[in-house]
Amino acid sequence: MRKTKCDYEGNCNNKAYAEVYPSLLGGKYKGRGWSYLCKKHYSQELKRFKEKLPSYIIK
């Protein structure tokens, strides 16, 4: 299995912690696709999306 890296704004190379799906929120996020985030950026996005960010934690 290939190690996935965080793709936050295209400039983070940390190991991915979660796969997130903001498009499932609908509204203005409907057009956004999924992405991989490291722990730091995942917690940052949770705060931004008010802790309702659909995601899957990578083990």
PDB file of N, CA and C in Angstrom:
ATOM      1  N   MET A   1       0.825  -1.186   0.000  1.00  0.00           N
ATOM      2  CA  MET A   1       0.000   0.000   0.000  1.00  0.00           C
ATOM      3  C   MET A   1       0.872   1.254   0.000  1.00  0.00           C
ATOM      4  N   ARG A   2       0.510   2.183  -0.809  1.00  0.00           N
ATOM      5  CA  ARG A   2       1.260   3.421  -0.931  1.00  0.00           C
ATOM      6  C   ARG A   2       0.937   4.357   0.230  1.00  0.00           C
ATOM      7  N   LYS A   3       1.947   4.998   0.785  1.00  0.00           N
ATOM      8  CA  LYS A   3       1.743   5.955   1.868  1.00  0.00           C
ATOM      9  C   LYS A   3       1.165   7.237   1.281  1.00  0.00           C
ATOM     10  N   THR A   4       0.050   7.663   1.823  1.00  0.00           N
ATOM     11  CA  THR A   4      -0.617   8.862   1.345  1.00  0.00           C
ATOM     12  C   THR A   4      -0.134  10.071   2.130  1.00  0.00           C
ATOM     13  N   LYS A   5       0.036  11.175   1.432  1.00  0.00           N
ATOM     14  CA  LYS A   5       0.488  12.414   2.064  1.00  0.00           C
ATOM     15  C   LYS A   5      -0.651  13.414   2.129  1.00  0.00           C
ATOM     16  N   CYS A   6      -0.549  14.323   3.072  1.00  0.00           N
ATOM     17  CA  CYS A   6      -1.525  15.403   3.229  1.00  0.00           C
ATOM     18  C   CYS A   6      -1.460  16.296   1.989  1.00  0.00           C
ATOM     19  N   ASP A   7      -2.629  16.688   1.475  1.00  0.00           N
ATOM     20  CA  ASP A   7      -2.636  17.550   0.295  1.00  0.00           C
ATOM     21  C   ASP A   7      -3.251  18.918   0.597  1.00  0.00           C
ATOM     22  N   TYR A   8      -3.118  19.364   1.833  1.00  0.00           N
ATOM     23  CA  TYR A   8      -3.667  20.656   2.244  1.00  0.00           C
ATOM     24  C   TYR A   8      -3.006  21.790   1.472  1.00  0.00           C
ATOM     25  N   GLU A   9      -3.770  22.461   0.651  1.00  0.00           N
ATOM     26  CA  GLU A   9      -3.314  23.581  -0.181  1.00  0.00           C
ATOM     27  C   GLU A   9      -2.079  23.241  -1.006  1.00  0.00           C
ATOM     28  N   GLY A  10      -1.815  21.971  -1.219  1.00  0.00           N
ATOM     29  CA  GLY A  10      -0.718  21.532  -2.074  1.00  0.00           C
ATOM     30  C   GLY A  10       0.684  21.765  -1.547  1.00  0.00           C
ATOM     31  N   ASN A  11       0.817  22.097  -0.255  1.00  0.00           N
ATOM     32  CA  ASN A  11       2.166  22.386   0.244  1.00  0.00           C
ATOM     33  C   ASN A  11       2.536  21.656   1.531  1.00  0.00           C
ATOM     34  N   CYS A  12       1.784  20.645   1.930  1.00  0.00           N
ATOM     35  CA  CYS A  12       2.095  19.880   3.142  1.00  0.00           C
ATOM     36  C   CYS A  12       2.505  18.467   2.733  1.00  0.00           C
ATOM     37  N   ASN A  13       3.584  17.979   3.314  1.00  0.00           N
ATOM     38  CA  ASN A  13       4.053  16.635   2.984  1.00  0.00           C
ATOM     39  C   ASN A  13       3.980  15.667   4.162  1.00  0.00           C
ATOM     40  N   ASN A  14       3.185  16.004   5.176  1.00  0.00           N
ATOM     41  CA  ASN A  14       3.014  15.111   6.327  1.00  0.00           C
ATOM     42  C   ASN A  14       2.191  13.892   5.934  1.00  0.00           C
ATOM     43  N   LYS A  15       2.317  12.824   6.719  1.00  0.00           N
ATOM     44  CA  LYS A  15       1.550  11.603   6.497  1.00  0.00           C
ATOM     45  C   LYS A  15       0.059  11.879   6.702  1.00  0.00           C
ATOM     46  N   ALA A  16      -0.774  11.372   5.818  1.00  0.00           N
ATOM     47  CA  ALA A  16      -2.217  11.595   5.906  1.00  0.00           C
ATOM     48  C   ALA A  16      -2.803  10.893   7.124  1.00  0.00           C
ATOM     49  N   TYR A  17      -3.722  11.562   7.779  1.00  0.00           N
ATOM     50  CA  TYR A  17      -4.398  11.042   8.967  1.00  0.00           C
ATOM     51  C   TYR A  17      -5.865  10.746   8.673  1.00  0.00           C
ATOM     52  N   ALA A  18      -6.491  11.570   7.807  1.00  0.00           N
ATOM     53  CA  ALA A  18      -7.915  11.417   7.524  1.00  0.00           C
ATOM     54  C   ALA A  18      -8.218  11.736   6.071  1.00  0.00           C
ATOM     55  N   GLU A  19      -9.212  11.060   5.549  1.00  0.00           N
ATOM     56  CA  GLU A  19      -9.737  11.345   4.219  1.00  0.00           C
ATOM     57  C   GLU A  19     -11.045  12.096   4.459  1.00  0.00           C
ATOM     58  N   VAL A  20     -11.163  13.304   3.931  1.00  0.00           N
ATOM     59  CA  VAL A  20     -12.332  14.137   4.216  1.00  0.00           C
ATOM     60  C   VAL A  20     -13.176  14.371   2.966  1.00  0.00           C
ATOM     61  N   TYR A  21     -14.466  14.552   3.201  1.00  0.00           N
ATOM     62  CA  TYR A  21     -15.442  14.695   2.114  1.00  0.00           C
ATOM     63  C   TYR A  21     -16.320  15.929   2.329  1.00  0.00           C
ATOM     64  N   PRO A  22     -15.807  17.129   2.134  1.00  0.00           N
ATOM     65  CA  PRO A  22     -16.629  18.330   2.356  1.00  0.00           C
ATOM     66  C   PRO A  22     -17.816  18.415   1.406  1.00  0.00           C
ATOM     67  N   SER A  23     -17.750  17.753   0.268  1.00  0.00           N
ATOM     68  CA  SER A  23     -18.857  17.796  -0.690  1.00  0.00           C
ATOM     69  C   SER A  23     -20.145  17.207  -0.111  1.00  0.00           C
ATOM     70  N   LEU A  24     -20.036  16.336   0.904  1.00  0.00           N
ATOM     71  CA  LEU A  24     -21.217  15.747   1.532  1.00  0.00           C
ATOM     72  C   LEU A  24     -21.982  16.749   2.390  1.00  0.00           C
ATOM     73  N   LEU A  25     -21.357  17.904   2.677  1.00  0.00           N
ATOM     74  CA  LEU A  25     -22.038  18.932   3.452  1.00  0.00           C
ATOM     75  C   LEU A  25     -23.050  19.688   2.604  1.00  0.00           C
ATOM     76  N   GLY A  26     -22.874  19.665   1.282  1.00  0.00           N
ATOM     77  CA  GLY A  26     -23.784  20.382   0.389  1.00  0.00           C
ATOM     78  C   GLY A  26     -23.522  21.878   0.411  1.00  0.00           C
ATOM     79  N   GLY A  27     -24.498  22.649  -0.041  1.00  0.00           N
ATOM     80  CA  GLY A  27     -24.360  24.104  -0.052  1.00  0.00           C
ATOM     81  C   GLY A  27     -23.181  24.555  -0.884  1.00  0.00           C
ATOM     82  N   LYS A  28     -22.419  25.513  -0.362  1.00  0.00           N
ATOM     83  CA  LYS A  28     -21.279  26.054  -1.100  1.00  0.00           C
ATOM     84  C   LYS A  28     -20.123  25.059  -1.221  1.00  0.00           C
ATOM     85  N   TYR A  29     -20.169  23.959  -0.478  1.00  0.00           N
ATOM     86  CA  TYR A  29     -19.110  22.951  -0.528  1.00  0.00           C
ATOM     87  C   TYR A  29     -19.438  21.807  -1.481  1.00  0.00           C
ATOM     88  N   LYS A  30     -20.582  21.864  -2.127  1.00  0.00           N
ATOM     89  CA  LYS A  30     -21.043  20.779  -2.996  1.00  0.00           C
ATOM     90  C   LYS A  30     -20.045  20.416  -4.090  1.00  0.00           C
ATOM     91  N   GLY A  31     -19.359  21.407  -4.636  1.00  0.00           N
ATOM     92  CA  GLY A  31     -18.408  21.167  -5.720  1.00  0.00           C
ATOM     93  C   GLY A  31     -17.028  20.708  -5.272  1.00  0.00           C
ATOM     94  N   ARG A  32     -16.757  20.732  -3.978  1.00  0.00           N
ATOM     95  CA  ARG A  32     -15.435  20.312  -3.490  1.00  0.00           C
ATOM     96  C   ARG A  32     -15.331  18.801  -3.452  1.00  0.00           C
ATOM     97  N   GLY A  33     -14.218  18.297  -3.867  1.00  0.00           N
ATOM     98  CA  GLY A  33     -13.992  16.855  -3.822  1.00  0.00           C
ATOM     99  C   GLY A  33     -13.409  16.436  -2.490  1.00  0.00           C
ATOM    100  N   TRP A  34     -12.966  15.194  -2.407  1.00  0.00           N
ATOM    101  CA  TRP A  34     -12.364  14.684  -1.186  1.00  0.00           C
ATOM    102  C   TRP A  34     -10.881  15.012  -1.172  1.00  0.00           C
ATOM    103  N   SER A  35     -10.284  14.950  -0.003  1.00  0.00           N
ATOM    104  CA  SER A  35      -8.855  15.185   0.117  1.00  0.00           C
ATOM    105  C   SER A  35      -8.310  14.457   1.338  1.00  0.00           C
ATOM    106  N   TYR A  36      -6.995  14.369   1.403  1.00  0.00           N
ATOM    107  CA  TYR A  36      -6.310  13.761   2.539  1.00  0.00           C
ATOM    108  C   TYR A  36      -5.706  14.866   3.385  1.00  0.00           C
ATOM    109  N   LEU A  37      -5.821  14.733   4.712  1.00  0.00           N
ATOM    110  CA  LEU A  37      -5.259  15.727   5.617  1.00  0.00           C
ATOM    111  C   LEU A  37      -4.451  15.055   6.724  1.00  0.00           C
ATOM    112  N   CYS A  38      -3.375  15.716   7.135  1.00  0.00           N
ATOM    113  CA  CYS A  38      -2.601  15.239   8.284  1.00  0.00           C
ATOM    114  C   CYS A  38      -3.369  15.625   9.552  1.00  0.00           C
ATOM    115  N   LYS A  39      -2.895  15.179  10.715  1.00  0.00           N
ATOM    116  CA  LYS A  39      -3.589  15.455  11.973  1.00  0.00           C
ATOM    117  C   LYS A  39      -3.741  16.951  12.230  1.00  0.00           C
ATOM    118  N   LYS A  40      -2.687  17.701  11.971  1.00  0.00           N
ATOM    119  CA  LYS A  40      -2.703  19.151  12.209  1.00  0.00           C
ATOM    120  C   LYS A  40      -3.769  19.838  11.360  1.00  0.00           C
ATOM    121  N   HIS A  41      -3.770  19.562  10.070  1.00  0.00           N
ATOM    122  CA  HIS A  41      -4.716  20.224   9.182  1.00  0.00           C
ATOM    123  C   HIS A  41      -6.143  19.679   9.346  1.00  0.00           C
ATOM    124  N   TYR A  42      -6.260  18.424   9.755  1.00  0.00           N
ATOM    125  CA  TYR A  42      -7.578  17.858  10.022  1.00  0.00           C
ATOM    126  C   TYR A  42      -8.246  18.594  11.180  1.00  0.00           C
ATOM    127  N   SER A  43      -7.525  18.806  12.276  1.00  0.00           N
ATOM    128  CA  SER A  43      -8.104  19.517  13.414  1.00  0.00           C
ATOM    129  C   SER A  43      -8.408  20.972  13.056  1.00  0.00           C
ATOM    130  N   GLN A  44      -7.579  21.559  12.219  1.00  0.00           N
ATOM    131  CA  GLN A  44      -7.813  22.924  11.752  1.00  0.00           C
ATOM    132  C   GLN A  44      -9.116  23.000  10.937  1.00  0.00           C
ATOM    133  N   GLU A  45      -9.339  22.035  10.070  1.00  0.00           N
ATOM    134  CA  GLU A  45     -10.552  22.012   9.254  1.00  0.00           C
ATOM    135  C   GLU A  45     -11.792  21.675  10.081  1.00  0.00           C
ATOM    136  N   LEU A  46     -11.643  20.848  11.122  1.00  0.00           N
ATOM    137  CA  LEU A  46     -12.775  20.555  12.013  1.00  0.00           C
ATOM    138  C   LEU A  46     -13.292  21.842  12.647  1.00  0.00           C
ATOM    139  N   LYS A  47     -12.375  22.698  13.080  1.00  0.00           N
ATOM    140  CA  LYS A  47     -12.773  23.975  13.671  1.00  0.00           C
ATOM    141  C   LYS A  47     -13.469  24.849  12.631  1.00  0.00           C
ATOM    142  N   ARG A  48     -12.948  24.850  11.429  1.00  0.00           N
ATOM    143  CA  ARG A  48     -13.509  25.669  10.359  1.00  0.00           C
ATOM    144  C   ARG A  48     -14.910  25.222   9.963  1.00  0.00           C
ATOM    145  N   PHE A  49     -15.130  23.914   9.911  1.00  0.00           N
ATOM    146  CA  PHE A  49     -16.428  23.367   9.523  1.00  0.00           C
ATOM    147  C   PHE A  49     -17.330  23.101  10.729  1.00  0.00           C
ATOM    148  N   LYS A  50     -16.991  23.622  11.885  1.00  0.00           N
ATOM    149  CA  LYS A  50     -17.792  23.488  13.107  1.00  0.00           C
ATOM    150  C   LYS A  50     -18.014  22.032  13.525  1.00  0.00           C
ATOM    151  N   GLU A  51     -16.982  21.212  13.367  1.00  0.00           N
ATOM    152  CA  GLU A  51     -16.965  19.815  13.811  1.00  0.00           C
ATOM    153  C   GLU A  51     -18.020  18.922  13.160  1.00  0.00           C
ATOM    154  N   LYS A  52     -18.459  19.232  11.951  1.00  0.00           N
ATOM    155  CA  LYS A  52     -19.396  18.372  11.252  1.00  0.00           C
ATOM    156  C   LYS A  52     -18.827  17.887   9.915  1.00  0.00           C
ATOM    157  N   LEU A  53     -17.510  17.871   9.829  1.00  0.00           N
ATOM    158  CA  LEU A  53     -16.831  17.496   8.604  1.00  0.00           C
ATOM    159  C   LEU A  53     -16.884  15.983   8.378  1.00  0.00           C
ATOM    160  N   PRO A  54     -17.542  15.525   7.304  1.00  0.00           N
ATOM    161  CA  PRO A  54     -17.585  14.090   7.019  1.00  0.00           C
ATOM    162  C   PRO A  54     -16.180  13.578   6.677  1.00  0.00           C
ATOM    163  N   SER A  55     -15.747  12.542   7.370  1.00  0.00           N
ATOM    164  CA  SER A  55     -14.393  12.056   7.143  1.00  0.00           C
ATOM    165  C   SER A  55     -14.257  10.597   7.538  1.00  0.00           C
ATOM    166  N   TYR A  56     -13.119  10.040   7.138  1.00  0.00           N
ATOM    167  CA  TYR A  56     -12.744   8.670   7.479  1.00  0.00           C
ATOM    168  C   TYR A  56     -11.322   8.716   7.999  1.00  0.00           C
ATOM    169  N   ILE A  57     -11.098   8.256   9.219  1.00  0.00           N
ATOM    170  CA  ILE A  57      -9.757   8.252   9.813  1.00  0.00           C
ATOM    171  C   ILE A  57      -8.984   7.076   9.249  1.00  0.00           C
ATOM    172  N   ILE A  58      -7.801   7.355   8.717  1.00  0.00           N
ATOM    173  CA  ILE A  58      -6.939   6.330   8.117  1.00  0.00           C
ATOM    174  C   ILE A  58      -6.156   5.633   9.218  1.00  0.00           C
ATOM    175  N   LYS A  59      -6.160   4.334   9.213  1.00  0.00           N
ATOM    176  CA  LYS A  59      -5.417   3.579  10.231  1.00  0.00           C
ATOM    177  C   LYS A  59      -4.079   3.158   9.710  1.00  0.00           C
TER     178      LYS A  59
END
